[in-house]
Amino acid sequence: MTEQQQGLHRLNLLYAAAGCLGGSLDVDRTAQDLADVLAPTLGNIATVDLAEAVRAGDEPPKMLGGGQLHLRRVAAVRDSGCWPPGFILAGMPIPPLPDGFEIRNLQCGKAMMAFTRAAAIPAAGDFADVMIPPDAHSGMGAPLYARGLLLGLVTVWRTGPAPVFDREDRKLLLEIASRAALGVDNARRYTRERRAAVALQRGLLPRAGTDTLAAQTASVYLPAGRGCEVSGDWYDVIPLSSLRVAFVVGDVIGHGLSATATMGRLRTAVQTLADLDLDPDELLTHLDDLVQRLADEADPPRGDPVGATCAYAVYDPITGCCAIASAGHPPPAVVTPDGTVDFIDVSPGPPLGVGGMPFEITEIDLKPGSVLALYTDGLLNRRNRDVTQGMEWLHDRMAAACDTDRPLDDIGRALLDDTSSTPPADDIVVLLARTRTVAAEAVVDWEFPADPAVVAQARNLTTRQLATWNLDDLAFTTELVVSELVTNAIRYAHGPIRVRLIRGDRLVCEVSDASNTQPRLRRAHTTDEGGRGLFLVAQLTRRWGSRYGRLGKTIWTEQPTHEVRR
């Protein structure tokens, strides 16, 4: 090869390296691209070793001299032949490096080393046997050096009739290594930021599964693959009053830490609004107002959009009714106990932050053992499907995966089993809930006229029912609670008064009336003749609250029952 041809060859190699290096935000992929460029174009064998800290997204320790540098071989390419026994291949750790002038220069990024096997590394011993190919006659190495940090090492070897590396070859490798170092460092910083975003995202999400009298739930969160920023998908399972439970799945517009932070704020807001026992449509309306305020507070120069989609469902295990409202979210799927799969025809309101259109509630009856699936659009868009194809795929997959006795965790993994080979381009959240109902004998319901004479009757019925349920130890406190709540309802409300007791892992006592007056807990003064009723109720029960219905309000209390049975 003439000198002109060699110069053109080196120029083409440098152009090829510039085109492929830095195209990936994955540290290992960048190292593999570097090795693929160098072998067989520059040498017959190319290896790339990176610091373990770099692969984890951290900065490597600053060290000078030999010893254990905590390097790992990430890429090893050979143009022909087999690897010799004992040679360190990709995925294997690098043994401690012997100290020497060449190693120290590499760690400072000042020079590269060029050597032949006969004079590879003085007194290297077994190190040369595992690091230097036995059929290589010359080699050269260069540091992956960026911002004063040694990220790793790249080494190229020549075998057979290829000529020994010359000065121009060493200059070319140093130029390519400097470009590759920038790509590795960019990928390292992205890895660190992505790891922080994923950790924040996972830390803001609740535990994966719950098990209550209303439903058994399982959830799956799969962050976007490398090269894609983490989004703001979230899920939640919120216990409500009277053994009801709320299922929530949402998807924040945008990616990165800003989307994750918005997700955390919205999840907190949903929990706070859910604690007020709002209907799904009313809750989404308040949440929509919050998103609009967040958008107004956003920094205009950054231009980060603030918005989200959300599906909110409330399931009542006593009636088996599920009320659902959607803010631009994909429709939930239901698998009945007989295996039938249907998508709930939810009226899709606008995404959160748009405003204007009201949200609507869709009510369905769920049989015990039904599986309710809420998810984000990342599941439907898997493998570049459109929404229609994604829903068809989900229908078939749910029909094949759901079984009466199959654990929900297994069903969730079955829905995502095609994500193992190719990481998703968008976050995926799946929330599965297998519904239950409360036995009819665990619920009693009485209705009384608004007459002070019925207070004693309500107390007596309550005492007898607790004796039937073997909850005599709760009779005194429950009798006092019923007496106080019924008395207040008679005093301030109109129309009939309804008392309901529900037995589960906690005893629920409800008193409903036709008034919309909100009861308030206050501290009575020494000379006050009243005002202590709700204070006593709050002290004698674990939780209490009120919720509004279409025909009035309900005051509820909860007392634990499992502690009594022990």
Protein backbone atom coordinates (compact mmCIF):
# COMPACT_ATOMS: atom_id res chain seq x y z
CA MET A 1 0.00 0.00 0.00
CA THR A 2 1.47 3.32 -1.03
CA GLU A 3 1.83 6.24 1.34
CA GLN A 4 -1.02 8.06 -0.40
CA GLN A 5 -3.27 5.03 -0.06
CA GLN A 6 -2.37 4.70 3.61
CA GLY A 7 -3.25 8.35 4.17
CA LEU A 8 -6.61 7.91 2.41
CA HIS A 9 -7.27 4.77 4.43
CA ARG A 10 -6.62 6.57 7.72
CA LEU A 11 -8.81 9.50 6.63
CA ASN A 12 -11.68 7.13 5.80
CA LEU A 13 -11.27 5.41 9.16
CA LEU A 14 -11.38 8.73 10.99
CA TYR A 15 -14.51 9.71 9.03
CA ALA A 16 -16.18 6.38 9.86
CA ALA A 17 -15.33 6.80 13.54
CA ALA A 18 -16.78 10.32 13.59
CA GLY A 19 -19.98 9.00 12.04
CA CYS A 20 -20.69 6.17 14.48
CA LEU A 21 -19.11 7.25 17.77
CA GLY A 22 -21.35 9.26 20.04
CA GLY A 23 -24.52 8.08 18.34
CA SER A 24 -25.63 6.09 21.39
CA LEU A 25 -26.31 7.16 24.96
CA ASP A 26 -25.43 3.72 26.24
CA VAL A 27 -21.91 3.41 27.64
CA ASP A 28 -21.44 -0.23 26.63
CA ARG A 29 -22.87 0.39 23.15
CA THR A 30 -20.44 3.27 22.61
CA ALA A 31 -17.52 1.03 23.62
CA GLN A 32 -18.71 -1.70 21.26
CA ASP A 33 -19.00 0.81 18.41
CA LEU A 34 -15.41 1.87 19.06
CA ALA A 35 -14.15 -1.70 18.91
CA ASP A 36 -16.11 -2.37 15.72
CA VAL A 37 -14.53 0.67 14.05
CA LEU A 38 -10.97 -0.31 14.96
CA ALA A 39 -11.12 -4.00 14.01
CA PRO A 40 -10.43 -5.03 11.33
CA THR A 41 -9.85 -1.56 9.84
CA LEU A 42 -6.92 -0.46 11.99
CA GLY A 43 -5.93 -3.75 13.57
CA ASN A 44 -6.91 -7.39 13.66
CA ILE A 45 -7.98 -7.30 17.32
CA ALA A 46 -9.50 -4.45 19.33
CA THR A 47 -10.49 -4.37 23.00
CA VAL A 48 -12.13 -1.65 25.12
CA ASP A 49 -11.95 -1.64 28.91
CA LEU A 50 -14.05 0.75 31.00
CA ALA A 51 -14.06 1.64 34.68
CA GLU A 52 -16.91 0.03 36.61
CA ALA A 53 -17.89 3.46 37.94
CA VAL A 54 -18.26 4.80 34.41
CA ARG A 55 -20.63 2.00 33.43
CA ALA A 56 -22.75 2.86 36.48
CA GLY A 57 -22.83 6.55 35.52
CA ASP A 58 -20.37 7.76 38.13
CA GLU A 59 -16.97 9.37 37.77
CA PRO A 60 -14.02 7.01 38.00
CA PRO A 61 -11.62 7.42 40.93
CA LYS A 62 -8.49 9.40 40.27
CA MET A 63 -5.59 7.01 40.68
CA LEU A 64 -1.94 7.09 39.70
CA GLY A 65 0.12 3.95 39.31
CA GLY A 66 -0.67 0.29 38.96
CA GLY A 67 -2.95 -1.84 41.04
CA GLN A 68 -6.63 -2.64 40.98
CA LEU A 69 -8.23 0.04 38.81
CA HIS A 70 -11.63 -1.69 38.76
CA LEU A 71 -11.78 -1.99 34.99
CA ARG A 72 -13.97 -4.39 33.04
CA ARG A 73 -13.64 -5.46 29.44
CA VAL A 74 -16.73 -4.21 27.66
CA ALA A 75 -15.90 -5.00 24.03
CA ALA A 76 -13.54 -7.42 22.30
CA VAL A 77 -13.51 -7.83 18.50
CA ARG A 78 -11.34 -10.17 16.40
CA ASP A 79 -11.48 -10.27 12.61
CA SER A 80 -10.76 -14.00 12.29
CA GLY A 81 -9.77 -17.04 14.25
CA CYS A 82 -10.63 -18.10 17.77
CA TRP A 83 -9.84 -16.42 21.04
CA PRO A 84 -6.96 -18.07 22.91
CA PRO A 85 -7.73 -19.85 26.19
CA GLY A 86 -7.49 -17.59 29.20
CA PHE A 87 -7.68 -14.35 27.23
CA ILE A 88 -9.93 -11.77 28.89
CA LEU A 89 -13.11 -11.33 26.85
CA ALA A 90 -16.09 -8.97 27.07
CA GLY A 91 -17.79 -8.99 30.46
CA MET A 92 -14.69 -10.13 32.38
CA PRO A 93 -12.86 -7.97 34.95
CA ILE A 94 -9.35 -6.70 34.27
CA PRO A 95 -6.73 -7.93 36.77
CA PRO A 96 -4.57 -5.42 38.65
CA LEU A 97 -2.28 -3.52 36.32
CA PRO A 98 1.49 -3.60 36.94
CA ASP A 99 2.97 -0.24 37.79
CA GLY A 100 5.14 1.41 35.20
CA PHE A 101 5.90 4.54 33.23
CA GLU A 102 3.44 3.65 30.46
CA ILE A 103 0.54 3.05 32.88
CA ARG A 104 1.12 6.36 34.65
CA ASN A 105 1.20 8.24 31.35
CA LEU A 106 -2.06 6.62 30.32
CA GLN A 107 -3.68 7.66 33.60
CA CYS A 108 -2.64 11.24 32.96
CA GLY A 109 -3.88 11.14 29.38
CA LYS A 110 -0.54 12.43 28.13
CA ALA A 111 0.65 9.61 25.90
CA MET A 112 -0.10 6.20 24.53
CA MET A 113 1.96 3.07 24.60
CA ALA A 114 3.17 1.06 21.63
CA PHE A 115 4.80 -2.30 22.11
CA THR A 116 5.53 -5.72 20.72
CA ARG A 117 4.74 -8.91 22.53
CA ALA A 118 8.40 -9.64 23.18
CA ALA A 119 8.74 -6.40 25.15
CA ALA A 120 5.15 -5.85 26.11
CA ILE A 121 5.33 -4.94 29.76
CA PRO A 122 8.46 -5.59 31.76
CA ALA A 123 8.03 -8.22 34.47
CA ALA A 124 4.32 -8.50 33.70
CA GLY A 125 4.26 -12.21 34.39
CA ASP A 126 0.83 -13.81 33.95
CA PHE A 127 -0.67 -10.43 33.14
CA ALA A 128 0.68 -10.58 29.58
CA ASP A 129 -0.81 -14.05 29.06
CA VAL A 130 -4.38 -12.86 29.71
CA MET A 131 -4.10 -9.37 28.23
CA ILE A 132 -1.96 -9.85 25.10
CA PRO A 133 -3.07 -12.20 22.30
CA PRO A 134 -0.37 -14.83 21.76
CA ASP A 135 -0.49 -14.42 17.97
CA ALA A 136 -0.17 -10.61 18.03
CA HIS A 137 3.18 -9.18 16.98
CA SER A 138 2.51 -5.53 17.78
CA GLY A 139 -0.05 -3.47 19.62
CA MET A 140 -0.84 0.01 20.82
CA GLY A 141 -3.13 1.40 23.48
CA ALA A 142 -4.69 4.77 24.18
CA PRO A 143 -6.57 6.21 27.13
CA LEU A 144 -10.24 7.17 27.00
CA TYR A 145 -9.53 10.45 28.74
CA ALA A 146 -12.04 13.25 29.28
CA ARG A 147 -12.22 16.17 31.71
CA GLY A 148 -9.15 14.93 33.56
CA LEU A 149 -10.62 11.49 34.16
CA LEU A 150 -9.42 8.13 32.86
CA LEU A 151 -12.65 6.48 31.73
CA GLY A 152 -11.00 3.40 30.24
CA LEU A 153 -8.47 1.99 27.82
CA VAL A 154 -8.61 0.97 24.17
CA THR A 155 -6.06 -1.44 22.72
CA VAL A 156 -5.48 -2.56 19.13
CA TRP A 157 -3.35 -5.52 18.01
CA ARG A 158 -2.05 -6.74 14.68
CA THR A 159 -1.43 -10.36 13.77
CA GLY A 160 -0.13 -12.30 10.80
CA PRO A 161 1.43 -10.44 7.87
CA ALA A 162 0.09 -7.01 8.84
CA PRO A 163 2.87 -4.45 9.32
CA VAL A 164 3.91 -3.13 12.71
CA PHE A 165 2.10 0.02 13.89
CA ASP A 166 3.93 3.20 13.04
CA ARG A 167 3.78 6.76 14.35
CA GLU A 168 0.89 7.75 12.05
CA ASP A 169 -1.15 4.78 13.30
CA ARG A 170 -0.57 5.87 16.89
CA LYS A 171 -1.65 9.43 16.09
CA LEU A 172 -4.78 8.11 14.42
CA LEU A 173 -5.70 5.92 17.41
CA LEU A 174 -5.18 8.84 19.76
CA GLU A 175 -7.53 10.99 17.66
CA ILE A 176 -10.20 8.30 17.54
CA ALA A 177 -9.83 7.58 21.27
CA SER A 178 -10.30 11.26 22.11
CA ARG A 179 -13.54 11.34 20.12
CA ALA A 180 -14.70 8.09 21.71
CA ALA A 181 -13.89 9.42 25.19
CA LEU A 182 -16.30 12.30 24.68
CA GLY A 183 -18.99 9.87 23.56
CA VAL A 184 -18.39 7.61 26.56
CA ASP A 185 -18.47 10.58 28.94
CA ASN A 186 -21.73 11.89 27.45
CA ALA A 187 -23.25 8.41 27.77
CA ARG A 188 -21.96 8.19 31.35
CA ARG A 189 -23.60 11.47 32.32
CA TYR A 190 -26.83 10.42 30.64
CA THR A 191 -26.70 7.13 32.54
CA ARG A 192 -26.30 9.03 35.80
CA GLU A 193 -29.20 11.37 35.05
CA ARG A 194 -31.40 8.53 33.87
CA ARG A 195 -30.59 6.49 36.96
CA ALA A 196 -31.54 9.46 39.14
CA ALA A 197 -34.80 9.96 37.21
CA VAL A 198 -35.72 6.27 37.44
CA ALA A 199 -34.87 6.20 41.16
CA LEU A 200 -37.00 9.29 41.74
CA GLN A 201 -39.84 7.84 39.67
CA ARG A 202 -39.79 4.52 41.52
CA GLY A 203 -39.47 6.28 44.86
CA LEU A 204 -42.61 8.32 44.18
CA LEU A 205 -44.68 5.27 43.27
CA PRO A 206 -46.47 3.12 45.87
CA ARG A 207 -45.80 -0.53 46.54
CA ALA A 208 -46.55 -2.86 43.66
CA GLY A 209 -49.41 -4.88 45.18
CA THR A 210 -52.18 -4.60 47.77
CA ASP A 211 -54.67 -7.03 49.23
CA THR A 212 -57.90 -5.66 50.72
CA LEU A 213 -61.48 -6.82 51.15
CA ALA A 214 -62.41 -4.88 48.02
CA ALA A 215 -59.73 -6.15 45.63
CA GLN A 216 -56.36 -7.70 45.19
CA THR A 217 -54.08 -5.55 43.06
CA ALA A 218 -50.75 -5.86 41.28
CA SER A 219 -48.90 -3.27 39.25
CA VAL A 220 -46.02 -3.16 36.83
CA TYR A 221 -43.87 -0.14 36.06
CA LEU A 222 -41.40 -0.44 33.18
CA PRO A 223 -39.28 2.65 32.45
CA ALA A 224 -38.34 3.57 28.91
CA GLY A 225 -35.24 1.91 27.53
CA ARG A 226 -31.83 3.48 27.30
CA GLY A 227 -31.71 6.35 24.85
CA CYS A 228 -35.19 7.49 25.93
CA GLU A 229 -35.95 9.75 28.86
CA VAL A 230 -38.11 8.52 31.71
CA SER A 231 -41.67 9.79 31.56
CA GLY A 232 -44.14 10.62 34.33
CA ASP A 233 -46.39 7.55 34.38
CA TRP A 234 -47.89 6.65 37.74
CA TYR A 235 -50.45 4.40 39.40
CA ASP A 236 -52.10 4.33 42.79
CA VAL A 237 -54.47 2.25 44.90
CA ILE A 238 -56.17 4.43 47.52
CA PRO A 239 -58.35 3.00 50.34
CA LEU A 240 -61.54 4.99 50.75
CA SER A 241 -64.28 5.02 53.34
CA SER A 242 -66.70 2.11 53.78
CA LEU A 243 -64.24 -0.49 52.37
CA ARG A 244 -64.26 1.18 48.93
CA VAL A 245 -61.06 1.58 46.96
CA ALA A 246 -59.87 3.93 44.21
CA PHE A 247 -57.72 2.82 41.27
CA VAL A 248 -55.66 5.51 39.54
CA VAL A 249 -53.39 5.47 36.49
CA GLY A 250 -51.96 8.60 34.91
CA ASP A 251 -49.43 9.74 32.35
CA VAL A 252 -47.73 13.14 32.49
CA ILE A 253 -46.89 14.85 29.20
CA GLY A 254 -43.16 15.16 28.63
CA HIS A 255 -40.09 13.31 29.84
CA GLY A 256 -37.23 13.72 32.24
CA LEU A 257 -37.01 14.97 35.79
CA SER A 258 -39.56 17.74 35.22
CA ALA A 259 -42.20 15.19 34.20
CA THR A 260 -41.31 13.02 37.21
CA ALA A 261 -41.63 16.00 39.55
CA THR A 262 -45.03 16.88 38.05
CA MET A 263 -46.11 13.28 38.51
CA GLY A 264 -45.23 13.42 42.21
CA ARG A 265 -47.27 16.59 42.66
CA LEU A 266 -50.28 15.16 40.84
CA ARG A 267 -50.18 11.88 42.76
CA THR A 268 -50.15 13.80 46.05
CA ALA A 269 -53.06 15.93 44.86
CA VAL A 270 -55.07 12.84 43.84
CA GLN A 271 -54.55 11.28 47.26
CA THR A 272 -55.64 14.47 48.99
CA LEU A 273 -58.74 14.85 46.82
CA ALA A 274 -59.58 11.17 47.18
CA ASP A 275 -59.52 11.56 50.96
CA LEU A 276 -62.38 14.04 50.56
CA ASP A 277 -64.48 11.23 49.01
CA LEU A 278 -65.13 13.18 45.82
CA ASP A 279 -66.85 11.53 42.87
CA PRO A 280 -64.50 10.65 39.98
CA ASP A 281 -65.73 13.46 37.73
CA GLU A 282 -65.44 16.06 40.49
CA LEU A 283 -61.97 14.85 41.43
CA LEU A 284 -60.72 15.15 37.84
CA THR A 285 -62.21 18.63 37.62
CA HIS A 286 -60.19 19.78 40.65
CA LEU A 287 -57.12 18.02 39.26
CA ASP A 288 -57.61 19.80 35.94
CA ASP A 289 -57.62 23.15 37.76
CA LEU A 290 -54.38 22.20 39.49
CA VAL A 291 -52.66 21.28 36.21
CA GLN A 292 -53.69 24.61 34.71
CA ARG A 293 -52.14 26.41 37.70
CA LEU A 294 -48.95 24.38 37.31
CA ALA A 295 -48.84 25.35 33.64
CA ASP A 296 -49.19 29.02 34.57
CA GLU A 297 -46.32 28.67 37.06
CA ALA A 298 -44.03 26.98 34.52
CA ASP A 299 -40.98 28.88 33.30
CA PRO A 300 -41.92 30.29 29.85
CA PRO A 301 -38.34 30.33 28.44
CA ARG A 302 -37.97 26.61 29.08
CA GLY A 303 -41.21 25.86 27.30
CA ASP A 304 -41.87 22.66 29.25
CA PRO A 305 -45.49 21.60 28.60
CA VAL A 306 -47.57 20.73 31.66
CA GLY A 307 -50.40 18.28 31.12
CA ALA A 308 -51.45 14.73 31.83
CA THR A 309 -54.00 12.05 31.17
CA CYS A 310 -55.63 10.17 34.02
CA ALA A 311 -58.18 7.44 34.68
CA TYR A 312 -59.82 7.37 38.12
CA ALA A 313 -62.09 4.52 39.21
CA VAL A 314 -63.91 3.93 42.51
CA TYR A 315 -65.03 0.38 43.33
CA ASP A 316 -67.61 -0.42 46.01
CA PRO A 317 -67.32 -4.04 47.22
CA ILE A 318 -70.76 -3.94 48.80
CA THR A 319 -72.70 -3.14 45.64
CA GLY A 320 -70.11 -4.39 43.13
CA CYS A 321 -70.40 -1.08 41.26
CA CYS A 322 -67.37 0.65 39.74
CA ALA A 323 -67.57 4.34 38.80
CA ILE A 324 -64.93 5.51 36.29
CA ALA A 325 -64.01 8.89 34.82
CA SER A 326 -61.28 9.53 32.27
CA ALA A 327 -59.25 12.59 31.32
CA GLY A 328 -58.00 11.69 27.86
CA HIS A 329 -56.79 8.27 29.02
CA PRO A 330 -57.07 4.91 27.20
CA PRO A 331 -60.18 2.92 28.21
CA PRO A 332 -59.80 0.30 30.97
CA ALA A 333 -60.23 -3.37 30.11
CA VAL A 334 -62.27 -5.89 32.10
CA VAL A 335 -61.94 -9.65 32.07
CA THR A 336 -64.99 -11.36 33.56
CA PRO A 337 -64.68 -14.66 35.48
CA ASP A 338 -65.81 -16.57 32.38
CA GLY A 339 -62.90 -15.13 30.36
CA THR A 340 -64.77 -12.49 28.34
CA VAL A 341 -62.65 -9.39 27.62
CA ASP A 342 -64.28 -6.00 27.10
CA PHE A 343 -63.10 -2.42 27.01
CA ILE A 344 -65.19 -0.11 29.17
CA ASP A 345 -66.97 2.48 27.06
CA VAL A 346 -65.76 5.44 29.12
CA SER A 347 -66.57 8.92 27.86
CA PRO A 348 -63.04 10.33 27.33
CA GLY A 349 -62.84 13.85 28.65
CA PRO A 350 -60.02 16.18 27.61
CA PRO A 351 -56.54 15.71 29.05
CA LEU A 352 -55.78 17.48 32.30
CA GLY A 353 -54.80 21.08 31.77
CA VAL A 354 -57.04 21.72 28.76
CA GLY A 355 -60.11 22.83 30.72
CA GLY A 356 -63.57 23.54 29.38
CA MET A 357 -65.33 20.22 28.86
CA PRO A 358 -66.82 18.51 31.93
CA PHE A 359 -65.87 14.98 32.85
CA GLU A 360 -68.47 12.20 32.88
CA ILE A 361 -68.88 9.13 35.08
CA THR A 362 -69.39 5.67 33.64
CA GLU A 363 -70.75 3.03 36.03
CA ILE A 364 -70.41 -0.71 35.52
CA ASP A 365 -71.14 -3.74 37.69
CA LEU A 366 -68.15 -6.01 38.29
CA LYS A 367 -68.70 -9.61 39.29
CA PRO A 368 -66.45 -11.06 42.00
CA GLY A 369 -63.27 -12.35 40.44
CA SER A 370 -63.31 -9.88 37.53
CA VAL A 371 -59.93 -8.40 36.53
CA LEU A 372 -59.90 -4.66 35.89
CA ALA A 373 -56.86 -3.45 33.92
CA LEU A 374 -55.79 0.20 33.78
CA TYR A 375 -52.69 1.11 31.78
CA THR A 376 -50.83 3.91 30.03
CA ASP A 377 -50.51 4.37 26.28
CA GLY A 378 -46.96 3.03 26.32
CA LEU A 379 -48.48 -0.46 26.43
CA LEU A 380 -50.58 0.18 23.33
CA ASN A 381 -47.78 1.89 21.41
CA ARG A 382 -45.43 -1.00 21.92
CA ARG A 383 -43.53 -1.93 18.73
CA ASN A 384 -44.89 1.15 16.89
CA ARG A 385 -48.49 -0.01 16.97
CA ASP A 386 -51.24 2.53 16.48
CA VAL A 387 -54.01 2.76 19.08
CA THR A 388 -56.39 0.45 17.23
CA GLN A 389 -53.76 -2.24 16.72
CA GLY A 390 -52.62 -1.83 20.31
CA MET A 391 -56.12 -2.38 21.69
CA GLU A 392 -56.58 -5.44 19.49
CA TRP A 393 -53.28 -6.82 20.74
CA LEU A 394 -54.23 -6.06 24.37
CA HIS A 395 -57.61 -7.75 23.93
CA ASP A 396 -55.99 -10.93 22.66
CA ARG A 397 -53.23 -10.86 25.27
CA MET A 398 -55.68 -10.30 28.14
CA ALA A 399 -57.84 -13.17 26.91
CA ALA A 400 -54.84 -15.48 26.82
CA ALA A 401 -53.19 -14.30 30.05
CA CYS A 402 -56.12 -13.93 32.45
CA ASP A 403 -57.22 -16.99 34.32
CA THR A 404 -59.36 -17.33 37.42
CA ASP A 405 -56.57 -18.78 39.53
CA ARG A 406 -53.58 -17.12 37.87
CA PRO A 407 -51.74 -14.61 40.11
CA LEU A 408 -51.99 -11.01 39.02
CA ASP A 409 -48.21 -10.67 39.00
CA ASP A 410 -48.00 -13.43 36.39
CA ILE A 411 -50.67 -11.71 34.29
CA GLY A 412 -48.74 -8.43 34.43
CA ARG A 413 -45.55 -10.15 33.33
CA ALA A 414 -47.42 -11.89 30.52
CA LEU A 415 -48.62 -8.52 29.22
CA LEU A 416 -45.03 -7.29 29.08
CA ASP A 417 -43.27 -10.46 27.99
CA ASP A 418 -42.44 -8.97 24.58
CA THR A 419 -40.53 -6.09 26.21
CA SER A 420 -37.62 -8.23 27.37
CA SER A 421 -35.73 -8.19 24.06
CA THR A 422 -36.38 -4.58 23.01
CA PRO A 423 -36.73 -1.93 25.74
CA PRO A 424 -39.82 0.26 25.30
CA ALA A 425 -39.57 3.74 23.84
CA ASP A 426 -42.03 5.07 26.45
CA ASP A 427 -42.78 4.23 30.06
CA ILE A 428 -45.37 1.51 30.65
CA VAL A 429 -47.65 1.23 33.68
CA VAL A 430 -50.17 -1.55 34.16
CA LEU A 431 -52.49 -1.74 37.19
CA LEU A 432 -54.50 -4.95 37.62
CA ALA A 433 -57.27 -5.39 40.18
CA ARG A 434 -59.17 -8.62 40.90
CA THR A 435 -62.43 -7.54 42.51
CA ARG A 436 -64.18 -9.00 45.53
CA THR A 437 -67.53 -8.38 47.19
CA VAL A 438 -68.53 -8.28 50.83
CA ALA A 439 -70.83 -11.09 51.97
CA ALA A 440 -74.46 -10.09 52.43
CA GLU A 441 -74.45 -11.20 56.08
CA ALA A 442 -71.61 -8.76 56.78
CA VAL A 443 -73.81 -5.72 56.09
CA VAL A 444 -76.88 -4.48 57.96
CA ASP A 445 -78.94 -1.44 57.10
CA TRP A 446 -81.69 0.32 59.05
CA GLU A 447 -83.79 3.37 58.31
CA PHE A 448 -85.36 5.55 61.02
CA PRO A 449 -87.58 8.63 61.01
CA ALA A 450 -86.14 11.90 62.27
CA ASP A 451 -87.56 11.37 65.77
CA PRO A 452 -85.52 11.59 69.00
CA ALA A 453 -87.23 8.43 70.21
CA VAL A 454 -85.36 6.27 67.65
CA VAL A 455 -81.94 6.91 69.22
CA ALA A 456 -82.44 4.20 71.83
CA GLN A 457 -83.76 1.83 69.17
CA ALA A 458 -80.66 2.42 67.00
CA ARG A 459 -78.41 1.70 69.99
CA ASN A 460 -80.20 -1.55 70.82
CA LEU A 461 -80.12 -2.81 67.22
CA THR A 462 -76.43 -2.02 67.03
CA THR A 463 -75.64 -3.91 70.25
CA ARG A 464 -77.55 -7.00 69.14
CA GLN A 465 -75.89 -7.01 65.72
CA LEU A 466 -72.40 -6.78 67.21
CA ALA A 467 -73.22 -9.72 69.46
CA THR A 468 -74.27 -11.70 66.39
CA TRP A 469 -70.91 -10.87 64.77
CA ASN A 470 -68.99 -11.79 67.97
CA LEU A 471 -67.80 -8.19 68.29
CA ASP A 472 -69.10 -7.60 71.84
CA ASP A 473 -65.87 -5.81 72.80
CA LEU A 474 -66.78 -3.05 70.35
CA ALA A 475 -70.33 -2.71 71.59
CA PHE A 476 -69.74 0.15 74.05
CA THR A 477 -67.80 2.41 71.68
CA THR A 478 -70.02 1.64 68.69
CA GLU A 479 -73.18 2.27 70.71
CA LEU A 480 -71.79 5.65 71.75
CA VAL A 481 -70.82 6.50 68.16
CA VAL A 482 -74.25 5.55 66.79
CA SER A 483 -76.01 7.49 69.53
CA GLU A 484 -74.00 10.66 68.89
CA LEU A 485 -74.27 10.55 65.09
CA VAL A 486 -77.99 9.74 65.03
CA THR A 487 -78.69 12.49 67.58
CA ASN A 488 -76.83 15.04 65.46
CA ALA A 489 -78.67 13.90 62.33
CA ILE A 490 -82.04 14.31 64.05
CA ARG A 491 -81.06 17.74 65.35
CA TYR A 492 -79.72 19.25 62.12
CA ALA A 493 -81.16 17.18 59.26
CA HIS A 494 -84.50 16.51 57.62
CA GLY A 495 -86.11 13.36 56.34
CA PRO A 496 -85.30 9.73 57.21
CA ILE A 497 -82.01 8.69 58.80
CA ARG A 498 -80.14 5.62 57.64
CA VAL A 499 -77.70 3.59 59.75
CA ARG A 500 -75.45 0.97 58.18
CA LEU A 501 -72.90 -1.35 59.78
CA ILE A 502 -70.26 -3.18 57.72
CA ARG A 503 -68.04 -5.90 59.15
CA GLY A 504 -64.65 -6.60 57.64
CA ASP A 505 -61.08 -6.20 58.82
CA ARG A 506 -62.55 -3.07 60.37
CA LEU A 507 -66.02 -2.21 61.61
CA VAL A 508 -67.62 0.57 59.59
CA CYS A 509 -70.49 2.59 61.02
CA GLU A 510 -72.39 4.96 58.72
CA VAL A 511 -75.16 7.44 59.48
CA SER A 512 -76.76 9.12 56.45
CA ASP A 513 -79.29 11.93 56.24
CA ALA A 514 -80.70 14.32 53.65
CA SER A 515 -78.81 17.38 54.86
CA ASN A 516 -75.74 18.84 53.15
CA THR A 517 -74.48 20.49 56.34
CA GLN A 518 -70.81 19.66 56.88
CA PRO A 519 -70.05 18.51 60.45
CA ARG A 520 -66.96 20.11 61.93
CA LEU A 521 -64.81 19.04 64.82
CA ARG A 522 -64.30 21.83 67.34
CA ARG A 523 -62.92 22.22 70.82
CA ALA A 524 -65.66 22.93 73.34
CA HIS A 525 -64.99 25.44 76.10
CA THR A 526 -65.47 24.60 79.77
CA THR A 527 -68.82 26.36 80.00
CA ASP A 528 -70.21 25.01 76.71
CA GLU A 529 -73.15 22.63 77.03
CA GLY A 530 -72.43 20.88 73.72
CA GLY A 531 -69.84 20.51 71.00
CA ARG A 532 -68.06 17.44 72.39
CA GLY A 533 -69.84 14.75 70.39
CA LEU A 534 -67.62 14.63 67.32
CA PHE A 535 -64.56 14.99 69.54
CA LEU A 536 -65.56 11.80 71.37
CA VAL A 537 -66.28 10.05 68.07
CA ALA A 538 -62.82 10.99 66.78
CA GLN A 539 -61.15 9.75 69.96
CA LEU A 540 -63.00 6.41 70.05
CA THR A 541 -62.48 5.47 66.39
CA ARG A 542 -59.44 5.08 64.17
CA ARG A 543 -60.81 7.20 61.32
CA TRP A 544 -63.91 9.22 60.68
CA GLY A 545 -65.15 11.53 57.96
CA SER A 546 -68.05 12.54 55.78
CA ARG A 547 -68.94 12.28 52.12
CA TYR A 548 -71.68 13.77 50.03
CA GLY A 549 -74.09 11.84 47.87
CA ARG A 550 -76.88 12.72 45.50
CA LEU A 551 -79.44 12.89 48.30
CA GLY A 552 -77.46 14.18 51.26
CA LYS A 553 -74.38 13.20 53.22
CA THR A 554 -72.96 10.25 55.14
CA ILE A 555 -70.90 10.39 58.33
CA TRP A 556 -68.70 7.28 58.68
CA THR A 557 -66.35 5.86 61.27
CA GLU A 558 -63.94 2.93 61.30
CA GLN A 559 -62.79 0.73 64.16
CA PRO A 560 -60.28 -2.12 63.82
CA THR A 561 -61.64 -5.60 64.42
CA HIS A 562 -58.54 -7.79 64.00
CA GLU A 563 -57.08 -6.47 67.23
CA VAL A 564 -60.19 -7.55 69.12
CA ARG A 565 -60.07 -11.09 67.75
CA ARG A 566 -56.46 -11.73 68.79
